[in-house]
N, C-alpha and C. Protein backbone atom coordinates (compact mmCIF):
# COMPACT_ATOMS: atom_id res chain seq x y z
N UNK A 1 125.79 -111.16 102.89
CA UNK A 1 124.83 -110.84 102.00
C UNK A 1 124.20 -111.91 101.32
N UNK A 2 123.25 -111.23 100.79
CA UNK A 2 122.17 -112.05 99.73
C UNK A 2 122.85 -112.14 98.31
N UNK A 3 122.80 -113.57 97.75
CA UNK A 3 123.35 -113.38 96.66
C UNK A 3 122.26 -112.81 95.53
N UNK A 4 123.15 -112.70 94.60
CA UNK A 4 122.24 -112.25 93.37
C UNK A 4 121.40 -113.01 92.46
N UNK A 5 121.53 -114.54 92.95
CA UNK A 5 120.91 -115.54 92.44
C UNK A 5 119.17 -115.24 93.18
N UNK A 6 119.65 -115.08 94.63
CA UNK A 6 118.20 -115.23 95.57
C UNK A 6 117.12 -113.94 95.00
N UNK A 7 118.24 -112.89 94.75
CA UNK A 7 117.23 -111.60 94.20
C UNK A 7 116.42 -111.82 92.85
N UNK A 8 117.65 -112.28 91.88
CA UNK A 8 116.85 -112.66 90.91
C UNK A 8 115.56 -113.25 90.77
N UNK A 9 115.70 -114.62 91.58
CA UNK A 9 114.54 -115.38 91.86
C UNK A 9 113.38 -114.55 92.46
N UNK A 10 113.58 -113.84 93.29
CA UNK A 10 112.62 -112.92 93.90
C UNK A 10 111.90 -111.96 93.25
N UNK A 11 112.67 -111.58 92.58
CA UNK A 11 112.20 -110.49 91.55
C UNK A 11 111.42 -110.86 90.06
N UNK A 12 111.88 -112.37 89.54
CA UNK A 12 111.28 -113.21 88.90
C UNK A 12 109.68 -113.73 89.37
N UNK A 13 110.02 -114.12 90.31
CA UNK A 13 108.31 -114.50 91.38
C UNK A 13 107.40 -113.22 91.40
N UNK A 14 108.00 -111.98 91.62
CA UNK A 14 107.25 -110.97 91.79
C UNK A 14 106.47 -110.31 90.32
N UNK A 15 107.27 -110.33 89.33
CA UNK A 15 106.88 -110.30 88.10
C UNK A 15 106.13 -111.06 87.53
N UNK A 16 106.08 -112.34 87.65
CA UNK A 16 105.35 -113.61 87.17
C UNK A 16 103.76 -113.07 88.06
N UNK A 17 103.53 -112.97 89.23
CA UNK A 17 102.72 -112.69 90.26
C UNK A 17 101.70 -111.72 89.49
N UNK A 18 102.81 -110.31 89.32
CA UNK A 18 101.95 -109.10 88.95
C UNK A 18 101.30 -109.52 87.84
N UNK A 19 102.11 -109.83 86.70
CA UNK A 19 101.64 -110.48 85.35
C UNK A 19 100.31 -111.35 85.27
N UNK A 20 100.25 -112.11 86.35
CA UNK A 20 99.29 -112.87 86.41
C UNK A 20 97.95 -112.04 87.09
N UNK A 21 98.01 -111.36 87.77
CA UNK A 21 97.19 -110.52 88.36
C UNK A 21 96.44 -109.64 87.26
N UNK A 22 97.52 -108.76 86.38
CA UNK A 22 96.99 -108.21 85.33
C UNK A 22 95.95 -108.99 84.32
N UNK A 23 96.83 -110.15 83.96
CA UNK A 23 96.09 -110.76 82.79
C UNK A 23 94.83 -111.31 83.23
N UNK A 24 94.59 -111.49 84.52
CA UNK A 24 93.01 -112.11 84.87
C UNK A 24 92.33 -111.37 85.38
N UNK A 25 92.34 -110.44 85.89
CA UNK A 25 91.98 -109.02 86.43
C UNK A 25 91.35 -109.58 87.90
N UNK A 26 90.94 -111.09 87.91
CA UNK A 26 90.04 -111.34 89.46
C UNK A 26 90.69 -112.35 90.14
N UNK A 27 92.06 -112.41 89.70
CA UNK A 27 92.48 -113.45 90.78
C UNK A 27 93.56 -112.67 91.40
N UNK A 28 93.97 -113.17 92.56
CA UNK A 28 95.22 -112.42 93.49
C UNK A 28 96.26 -113.48 92.90
N UNK A 29 97.78 -113.08 93.63
CA UNK A 29 98.84 -113.76 92.99
C UNK A 29 98.71 -115.10 93.49
N UNK A 30 98.08 -115.68 93.99
CA UNK A 30 98.17 -117.02 94.37
C UNK A 30 97.29 -117.56 93.66
N UNK A 31 96.41 -117.38 92.73
CA UNK A 31 95.60 -117.59 91.95
C UNK A 31 94.06 -118.03 92.48
N UNK A 32 93.73 -117.61 93.67
CA UNK A 32 92.46 -117.99 94.40
C UNK A 32 91.26 -117.04 93.90
N UNK A 33 90.33 -117.41 93.64
CA UNK A 33 89.32 -116.27 93.14
C UNK A 33 88.76 -115.39 94.34
N UNK A 34 88.78 -114.36 94.04
CA UNK A 34 88.56 -113.25 94.61
C UNK A 34 87.19 -113.09 95.00
N UNK A 35 86.34 -113.08 96.48
CA UNK A 35 84.76 -112.96 96.37
C UNK A 35 84.35 -111.20 96.12
N UNK A 36 83.62 -111.15 95.30
CA UNK A 36 83.23 -109.84 94.96
C UNK A 36 81.92 -109.67 95.89
N UNK A 37 81.14 -110.50 96.62
CA UNK A 37 80.57 -110.17 97.51
C UNK A 37 78.96 -109.44 96.93
N UNK A 38 79.05 -109.76 95.22
CA UNK A 38 77.64 -109.26 95.11
C UNK A 38 76.92 -110.29 94.70
N UNK A 39 75.95 -110.35 95.32
CA UNK A 39 74.72 -111.82 94.80
C UNK A 39 73.65 -111.27 94.28
N UNK A 40 73.43 -111.61 92.68
CA UNK A 40 72.56 -110.99 92.37
C UNK A 40 71.17 -112.04 91.73
N UNK A 41 70.21 -111.88 91.78
CA UNK A 41 69.45 -113.03 91.30
C UNK A 41 68.91 -112.63 89.85
N UNK A 42 69.85 -112.71 89.44
CA UNK A 42 69.90 -112.79 87.62
C UNK A 42 68.81 -113.73 87.10
N UNK A 43 68.00 -113.10 86.36
CA UNK A 43 66.71 -114.06 85.44
C UNK A 43 67.15 -114.56 83.97
N UNK A 44 68.21 -113.98 83.64
CA UNK A 44 68.55 -114.04 82.09
C UNK A 44 69.20 -115.31 81.86
N UNK A 45 69.83 -115.37 80.78
CA UNK A 45 70.58 -116.55 80.48
C UNK A 45 72.19 -116.03 81.06
N UNK A 46 73.02 -117.39 81.18
CA UNK A 46 74.39 -117.30 81.70
C UNK A 46 75.34 -116.22 81.24
N UNK A 47 75.11 -116.06 80.11
CA UNK A 47 75.89 -114.91 79.44
C UNK A 47 75.49 -113.42 79.97
N UNK A 48 74.23 -113.39 80.15
CA UNK A 48 73.66 -111.93 80.59
C UNK A 48 74.16 -112.12 82.54
N UNK A 49 74.21 -113.40 83.10
CA UNK A 49 74.36 -112.79 84.53
C UNK A 49 75.95 -112.87 84.88
N UNK A 50 76.77 -113.36 84.08
CA UNK A 50 78.04 -113.46 84.38
C UNK A 50 78.69 -112.02 84.05
N UNK A 51 79.53 -111.52 85.21
CA UNK A 51 80.29 -110.24 84.45
C UNK A 51 81.04 -110.45 83.70
N UNK A 52 81.19 -109.03 82.84
CA UNK A 52 81.86 -109.43 81.64
C UNK A 52 83.34 -109.82 81.95
N UNK A 53 83.90 -109.12 82.89
CA UNK A 53 85.48 -109.21 83.38
C UNK A 53 85.74 -111.02 83.82
N UNK A 54 84.70 -111.69 84.11
CA UNK A 54 84.48 -112.98 84.87
C UNK A 54 84.32 -113.81 83.73
N UNK A 55 83.75 -113.81 82.45
CA UNK A 55 82.93 -114.32 81.33
C UNK A 55 84.16 -115.54 81.24
N UNK A 56 84.99 -115.26 80.98
CA UNK A 56 86.11 -116.45 80.87
C UNK A 56 86.87 -116.96 82.04
N UNK A 57 86.42 -116.85 83.42
CA UNK A 57 86.94 -117.47 84.56
C UNK A 57 86.32 -118.73 84.87
N UNK A 58 85.58 -119.57 84.16
CA UNK A 58 85.48 -120.71 84.43
C UNK A 58 86.68 -121.73 84.42
N UNK A 59 86.22 -122.79 85.43
CA UNK A 59 87.66 -123.57 86.02
C UNK A 59 88.00 -124.41 84.75
N UNK A 60 87.54 -124.67 83.77
CA UNK A 60 88.25 -125.60 82.54
C UNK A 60 87.32 -125.45 81.30
N UNK A 61 87.87 -126.02 80.38
CA UNK A 61 87.28 -126.07 78.93
C UNK A 61 86.15 -127.10 79.32
N UNK A 62 86.21 -128.12 79.89
CA UNK A 62 85.19 -129.06 80.12
C UNK A 62 84.02 -128.12 80.59
N UNK A 63 83.99 -127.33 81.51
CA UNK A 63 82.75 -126.36 81.76
C UNK A 63 82.05 -125.65 81.07
N UNK A 64 82.93 -125.39 79.94
CA UNK A 64 82.40 -124.46 78.82
C UNK A 64 81.61 -125.14 77.98
N UNK A 65 82.06 -126.12 77.72
CA UNK A 65 81.57 -127.36 76.84
C UNK A 65 80.26 -127.70 77.16
N UNK A 66 80.26 -127.95 78.54
CA UNK A 66 78.90 -128.72 79.09
C UNK A 66 77.88 -127.44 79.15
N UNK A 67 78.18 -126.03 79.52
CA UNK A 67 77.37 -125.02 79.42
C UNK A 67 76.80 -124.91 77.75
N UNK A 68 77.95 -125.22 76.97
CA UNK A 68 77.50 -124.62 75.15
C UNK A 68 77.01 -125.60 74.98
N UNK A 69 76.43 -126.88 75.70
CA UNK A 69 75.89 -128.01 74.82
C UNK A 69 74.26 -127.84 74.61
N UNK A 70 73.86 -128.39 73.63
CA UNK A 70 72.12 -127.78 73.58
C UNK A 70 71.63 -129.20 73.69
N UNK A 71 71.20 -129.48 75.14
CA UNK A 71 70.34 -130.62 75.38
C UNK A 71 69.06 -130.19 75.84
N UNK A 72 68.12 -130.40 75.51
CA UNK A 72 66.74 -129.72 75.70
C UNK A 72 65.98 -130.63 76.25
N UNK A 73 64.84 -130.35 77.11
CA UNK A 73 63.90 -130.72 77.59
C UNK A 73 62.41 -130.49 76.82
N UNK A 74 61.48 -131.40 76.55
CA UNK A 74 60.42 -131.31 75.90
C UNK A 74 59.53 -130.78 76.80
N UNK A 75 58.82 -130.07 76.25
CA UNK A 75 57.36 -129.56 76.99
C UNK A 75 56.77 -130.44 77.78
N UNK A 76 56.68 -131.65 76.97
CA UNK A 76 55.89 -132.59 77.39
C UNK A 76 56.36 -133.11 78.67
N UNK A 77 57.94 -133.29 78.77
CA UNK A 77 58.50 -133.73 79.75
C UNK A 77 58.41 -133.17 81.32
N UNK A 78 58.08 -131.71 80.92
CA UNK A 78 57.94 -130.60 82.08
C UNK A 78 56.44 -130.20 82.67
N UNK A 79 55.53 -130.97 82.03
CA UNK A 79 54.48 -131.16 82.53
C UNK A 79 54.33 -131.75 83.96
N UNK A 80 53.48 -131.36 85.06
CA UNK A 80 53.83 -131.65 86.25
C UNK A 80 52.57 -132.66 86.37
N UNK A 81 52.76 -133.90 87.20
CA UNK A 81 51.83 -134.82 87.63
C UNK A 81 51.61 -135.45 86.25
N UNK A 82 52.36 -135.57 85.33
CA UNK A 82 52.27 -136.75 84.27
C UNK A 82 53.17 -137.62 84.32
N UNK A 83 53.17 -138.85 83.89
CA UNK A 83 54.01 -139.97 83.77
C UNK A 83 54.33 -140.31 82.22
N UNK A 84 55.26 -140.29 81.56
CA UNK A 84 55.49 -140.35 80.36
C UNK A 84 55.17 -141.39 79.51
N UNK A 85 54.99 -142.62 80.41
CA UNK A 85 54.68 -143.90 80.14
C UNK A 85 53.98 -144.39 81.19
N UNK A 86 52.73 -144.97 81.27
CA UNK A 86 51.96 -145.65 82.46
C UNK A 86 52.12 -147.13 82.43
N UNK A 87 52.38 -147.55 81.42
CA UNK A 87 52.64 -149.10 81.25
C UNK A 87 53.92 -149.43 82.08
N UNK A 88 53.47 -150.67 82.99
CA UNK A 88 54.17 -151.07 83.71
C UNK A 88 55.63 -151.61 82.98
N UNK A 89 56.61 -151.64 83.16
CA UNK A 89 57.78 -152.11 82.90
C UNK A 89 58.06 -151.40 81.44
N UNK A 90 57.19 -150.59 80.37
CA UNK A 90 57.62 -150.28 79.34
C UNK A 90 58.32 -148.88 79.50
N UNK A 91 59.20 -148.90 78.25
CA UNK A 91 59.93 -147.97 78.31
C UNK A 91 59.33 -146.49 77.93
N UNK A 92 60.03 -145.83 78.37
CA UNK A 92 59.36 -144.22 78.50
C UNK A 92 59.28 -143.90 76.60
N UNK A 93 60.64 -144.00 75.98
CA UNK A 93 60.35 -144.05 74.80
C UNK A 93 59.99 -144.74 73.78
N UNK A 94 59.55 -145.89 74.26
CA UNK A 94 58.60 -147.03 73.17
C UNK A 94 57.28 -147.03 74.29
N UNK A 95 56.42 -146.46 74.29
CA UNK A 95 55.19 -146.61 75.14
C UNK A 95 54.25 -147.47 74.18
N UNK A 96 54.49 -149.00 73.87
CA UNK A 96 53.42 -149.62 73.47
C UNK A 96 53.58 -150.91 73.85
N UNK A 97 52.09 -151.32 73.65
CA UNK A 97 51.90 -152.77 74.00
C UNK A 97 52.89 -153.63 73.61
N UNK A 98 53.72 -154.53 74.43
CA UNK A 98 54.38 -155.58 73.95
C UNK A 98 55.96 -154.89 73.33
N UNK A 99 55.99 -154.01 73.59
CA UNK A 99 57.21 -153.19 73.13
C UNK A 99 58.37 -153.38 73.67
N UNK A 100 59.41 -153.57 73.11
CA UNK A 100 60.74 -154.02 74.34
C UNK A 100 61.06 -152.64 74.71
N UNK A 101 61.74 -152.98 76.50
CA UNK A 101 61.93 -151.89 77.42
C UNK A 101 63.26 -151.33 76.52
N UNK A 102 64.28 -151.96 76.01
CA UNK A 102 65.60 -151.68 75.55
C UNK A 102 65.42 -152.11 74.01
N UNK A 103 65.06 -151.32 73.07
CA UNK A 103 64.85 -152.25 71.71
C UNK A 103 66.07 -152.02 70.82
N UNK A 104 67.14 -151.45 71.19
CA UNK A 104 68.07 -151.65 70.39
C UNK A 104 69.18 -152.72 70.48
N UNK A 105 69.67 -153.15 69.77
CA UNK A 105 70.66 -154.22 70.01
C UNK A 105 72.10 -154.34 69.39
N UNK A 106 72.84 -154.73 70.18
CA UNK A 106 73.94 -154.74 70.11
C UNK A 106 74.97 -156.34 70.07
N UNK A 107 76.09 -156.46 69.57
CA UNK A 107 77.04 -157.74 69.89
C UNK A 107 76.75 -158.46 70.95
N UNK A 108 76.64 -159.76 71.29
CA UNK A 108 76.72 -160.44 72.17
C UNK A 108 77.97 -160.81 72.17
N UNK A 109 78.57 -160.46 73.65
CA UNK A 109 79.84 -161.02 74.24
C UNK A 109 79.95 -161.08 75.44
N UNK A 110 80.89 -161.38 76.22
CA UNK A 110 80.82 -161.30 77.84
C UNK A 110 80.68 -160.08 78.20
N UNK A 111 81.01 -159.33 77.93
CA UNK A 111 81.24 -157.73 78.39
C UNK A 111 79.91 -157.22 78.53
N UNK A 112 79.12 -157.76 77.27
CA UNK A 112 77.62 -156.96 77.56
C UNK A 112 76.77 -157.81 77.95
N UNK A 113 77.28 -158.98 78.78
CA UNK A 113 76.39 -159.71 79.57
C UNK A 113 75.17 -160.21 79.03
N UNK A 114 74.89 -160.33 77.83
CA UNK A 114 73.54 -160.33 76.87
C UNK A 114 73.21 -162.00 77.45
N UNK A 115 72.06 -162.19 77.09
CA UNK A 115 71.44 -163.69 77.35
C UNK A 115 71.74 -164.23 76.16
N UNK A 116 71.98 -165.59 76.51
CA UNK A 116 72.45 -166.62 75.38
C UNK A 116 71.45 -168.09 75.08
């Protein structure tokens, strides 16, 4: 006969799996993402394109932070067929004659491999 401990463990696993499915809504009991089969060509923001029930389904906190970061590309950088600085060896950020390609300075140590 099956012991009461085995029955208790099986019931506990089923309760936990059911609670997980109810809490997440889009995951099955094993934790794998369920394919919805809907492929839309949403042209809006990420918040507009992700269904409400999947909004918090990103895989990690890091992914949410990356998506929320505000790193912009300037309109000048997006112009096609243009080079930010056409001078050979010059930095894109400091495009002046005789300017250093890497103008910032830091302490000289073995690890930074600076010239002595």
